Protein backbone atom coordinates (compact mmCIF):
# COMPACT_ATOMS: atom_id res chain seq x y z
CA UNK A 1 46.86 13.80 -133.48
CA UNK A 2 47.31 10.90 -131.05
CA UNK A 3 50.19 12.68 -129.32
CA UNK A 4 48.07 15.78 -128.87
CA UNK A 5 45.31 13.70 -127.21
CA UNK A 6 47.85 11.89 -124.99
CA UNK A 7 49.45 15.22 -124.06
CA UNK A 8 46.03 16.69 -123.18
CA UNK A 9 45.20 13.68 -120.99
CA UNK A 10 48.57 13.85 -119.20
CA UNK A 11 48.02 17.57 -118.59
CA UNK A 12 44.46 16.97 -117.24
CA UNK A 13 45.58 14.19 -114.91
CA UNK A 14 48.49 16.26 -113.62
CA UNK A 15 46.05 19.07 -112.77
CA UNK A 16 43.81 16.62 -110.91
CA UNK A 17 46.77 15.20 -108.97
CA UNK A 18 47.91 18.70 -108.08
CA UNK A 19 44.50 19.68 -106.77
CA UNK A 20 44.34 16.49 -104.69
CA UNK A 21 47.73 17.33 -103.20
CA UNK A 22 46.52 20.85 -102.46
CA UNK A 23 43.35 19.53 -100.78
CA UNK A 24 45.44 17.15 -98.68
CA UNK A 25 47.74 19.96 -97.57
CA UNK A 26 44.72 22.17 -96.72
CA UNK A 27 43.45 19.55 -94.25
CA UNK A 28 45.55 18.15 -91.46
CA UNK A 29 44.88 15.21 -89.13
CA UNK A 30 45.10 16.27 -85.47
CA UNK A 31 45.03 14.41 -82.15
CA UNK A 32 41.71 14.75 -80.35
CA UNK A 33 41.64 14.36 -76.56
CA UNK A 34 38.30 13.95 -74.80
CA UNK A 35 38.65 14.45 -71.04
CA UNK A 36 42.35 13.68 -71.36
CA UNK A 37 41.95 10.44 -73.35
CA UNK A 38 43.01 10.33 -76.98
CA UNK A 39 40.22 9.41 -79.39
CA UNK A 40 41.24 6.82 -81.96
CA UNK A 41 39.86 8.55 -85.07
CA UNK A 42 41.15 11.95 -83.96
CA UNK A 43 40.04 15.04 -85.82
CA UNK A 44 40.90 17.21 -88.80
CA UNK A 45 41.94 20.83 -89.13
CA UNK A 46 40.59 22.40 -92.32
CA UNK A 47 41.01 26.10 -93.04
CA UNK A 48 41.62 26.83 -89.36
CA UNK A 49 38.52 24.93 -88.17
CA UNK A 50 38.59 21.64 -86.27
CA UNK A 51 36.25 18.82 -87.29
CA UNK A 52 35.53 15.80 -85.09
CA UNK A 53 33.20 12.84 -85.65
CA UNK A 54 30.08 13.37 -83.51
CA UNK A 55 30.05 9.71 -82.45
CA UNK A 56 33.20 10.46 -80.42
CA UNK A 57 31.48 13.04 -78.18
CA UNK A 58 29.71 10.73 -75.71
CA UNK A 59 26.13 11.18 -76.84
CA UNK A 60 23.52 9.88 -79.26
CA UNK A 61 23.84 10.60 -82.98
CA UNK A 62 20.82 10.03 -85.23
CA UNK A 63 20.85 10.50 -88.98
CA UNK A 64 17.64 11.02 -90.98
CA UNK A 65 18.33 9.94 -94.56
CA UNK A 66 15.25 11.61 -96.08
CA UNK A 67 15.90 15.06 -94.57
CA UNK A 68 19.72 14.68 -94.57
CA UNK A 69 19.66 15.87 -90.95
CA UNK A 70 21.98 14.81 -88.13
CA UNK A 71 20.71 15.10 -84.55
CA UNK A 72 23.01 14.94 -81.53
CA UNK A 73 21.63 14.30 -78.04
CA UNK A 74 23.64 14.45 -74.82
CA UNK A 75 21.63 13.96 -71.63
CA UNK A 76 22.85 15.35 -68.31
CA UNK A 77 23.96 12.50 -66.06
CA UNK A 78 25.20 13.16 -62.53
CA UNK A 79 26.59 10.22 -60.57
CA UNK A 80 27.13 9.82 -56.84
CA UNK A 81 28.88 6.90 -55.17
CA UNK A 82 27.60 5.65 -51.80
CA UNK A 83 29.23 3.12 -49.50
CA UNK A 84 26.71 0.43 -48.67
CA UNK A 85 27.69 0.10 -45.01
CA UNK A 86 27.03 3.70 -43.91
CA UNK A 87 25.58 5.41 -47.02
CA UNK A 88 28.45 7.94 -47.15
CA UNK A 89 29.28 9.62 -50.44
CA UNK A 90 32.84 9.02 -51.67
CA UNK A 91 35.09 9.94 -54.55
CA UNK A 92 38.69 9.56 -53.45
CA UNK A 93 39.38 6.56 -51.23
CA UNK A 94 42.33 4.86 -49.64
CA UNK A 95 43.47 1.54 -51.03
CA UNK A 96 41.15 -0.55 -48.87
CA UNK A 97 40.68 -3.76 -50.75
CA UNK A 98 37.05 -4.84 -51.12
CA UNK A 99 34.43 -2.11 -50.81
CA UNK A 100 30.70 -2.54 -51.26
CA UNK A 101 29.03 0.47 -52.85
CA UNK A 102 26.27 1.55 -55.21
CA UNK A 103 26.02 4.19 -57.90
CA UNK A 104 23.16 6.69 -57.83
CA UNK A 105 22.57 8.46 -61.16
CA UNK A 106 20.36 11.44 -61.89
CA UNK A 107 19.47 11.74 -65.58
CA UNK A 108 17.76 14.75 -67.13
CA UNK A 109 17.38 16.47 -70.48
CA UNK A 110 16.97 13.10 -72.23
CA UNK A 111 15.69 13.92 -75.72
CA UNK A 112 15.59 10.44 -77.23
CA UNK A 113 14.03 7.10 -76.24
CA UNK A 114 16.33 4.54 -74.65
CA UNK A 115 15.90 0.81 -74.06
CA UNK A 116 18.44 0.22 -71.29
CA UNK A 117 21.27 1.63 -69.18
CA UNK A 118 24.58 0.11 -68.12
CA UNK A 119 27.03 1.13 -65.39
CA UNK A 120 30.66 -0.04 -65.53
CA UNK A 121 33.87 0.37 -63.57
CA UNK A 122 37.25 0.59 -65.30
CA UNK A 123 40.40 0.15 -63.18
CA UNK A 124 43.81 1.62 -64.06
CA UNK A 125 44.59 -1.39 -66.29
CA UNK A 126 41.78 -0.27 -68.65
CA UNK A 127 39.69 -3.46 -68.60
CA UNK A 128 36.08 -2.49 -67.81
CA UNK A 129 33.73 -4.58 -65.68
CA UNK A 130 29.94 -4.28 -65.79
CA UNK A 131 28.37 -3.26 -62.49
CA UNK A 132 24.76 -3.50 -63.68
CA UNK A 133 22.63 -3.42 -66.84
CA UNK A 134 18.91 -2.72 -66.67
CA UNK A 135 16.07 -2.25 -69.16
CA UNK A 136 14.16 1.04 -69.08
CA UNK A 137 10.44 0.44 -69.51
CA UNK A 138 8.98 3.92 -68.99
CA UNK A 139 10.32 6.72 -71.21
CA UNK A 140 10.78 10.07 -69.50
CA UNK A 141 13.04 13.05 -70.07
CA UNK A 142 14.36 12.74 -66.50
CA UNK A 143 14.70 9.85 -64.07
CA UNK A 144 16.91 8.38 -61.35
CA UNK A 145 18.75 5.10 -61.44
CA UNK A 146 20.50 3.36 -58.56
CA UNK A 147 22.54 0.20 -58.94
CA UNK A 148 22.30 -2.69 -56.54
CA UNK A 149 25.10 -3.03 -54.00
CA UNK A 150 28.32 -4.00 -55.74
CA UNK A 151 31.54 -5.31 -54.16
CA UNK A 152 34.81 -4.39 -55.82
CA UNK A 153 38.42 -4.96 -54.82
CA UNK A 154 40.29 -1.64 -55.02
CA UNK A 155 43.66 -3.36 -54.66
CA UNK A 156 45.64 -1.04 -56.95
CA UNK A 157 46.23 2.66 -56.40
CA UNK A 158 45.34 4.88 -59.35
CA UNK A 159 42.42 6.28 -61.31
CA UNK A 160 39.24 4.23 -61.65
CA UNK A 161 36.35 5.35 -63.85
CA UNK A 162 32.64 4.74 -63.43
CA UNK A 163 30.92 4.83 -66.85
CA UNK A 164 27.22 5.42 -67.47
CA UNK A 165 25.99 4.03 -70.81
CA UNK A 166 22.63 4.19 -72.57
CA UNK A 167 21.26 2.17 -75.46
CA UNK A 168 18.84 3.85 -77.87
CA UNK A 169 15.44 2.24 -78.44
CA UNK A 170 16.18 2.35 -82.16
CA UNK A 171 18.99 -0.17 -81.62
CA UNK A 172 22.73 -0.01 -81.88
CA UNK A 173 25.41 -0.31 -79.23
CA UNK A 174 25.62 1.20 -75.77
CA UNK A 175 26.81 4.81 -75.83
CA UNK A 176 28.94 6.30 -73.06
CA UNK A 177 27.16 9.46 -71.86
CA UNK A 178 28.94 10.21 -68.58
CA UNK A 179 31.98 9.30 -66.51
CA UNK A 180 32.91 9.72 -62.85
CA UNK A 181 36.44 9.33 -61.55
CA UNK A 182 37.56 7.60 -58.36
CA UNK A 183 41.10 8.17 -57.15
CA UNK A 184 42.40 5.27 -55.10
CA UNK A 185 45.18 6.62 -52.91
CA UNK A 186 48.11 4.61 -51.52
């Protein structure tokens, strides 16, 4: 009788292990690139569909425990770079050394309350530097934000990135919602 029970348990566990192996083979981890940059957590392919964590998509993710509802908000953010000396718009520049500029941002379609914004610059070495952080006192679905003049030494040719971050009023970390590239030419 004991052997029958042991045999039944071995059979049941082997079925469970087989179904776990089948489930693992039905899903496959895939690389996920967002604007050409690989996202650490990547994504999964399950039954021909790709699944990616919403937090990776440069927007706000809110989860309501009582309704079991996830909301995703991605405001439109358009950035323009102006030289401080002559107010000219730029994108690609020659390797000039120090340049004083400011970032003008137009934000619309904002569907959630925010407490502050942050603008950063990331050089080719990947180490970001904060240009400006500012609290947002009046909540609106659209507004403009312009940084103070900022001097930066563009001493290396390559791709620089201006990042626009927002922090939700409900707390949490800053969330990247938009990027603008600057190509520094030789």
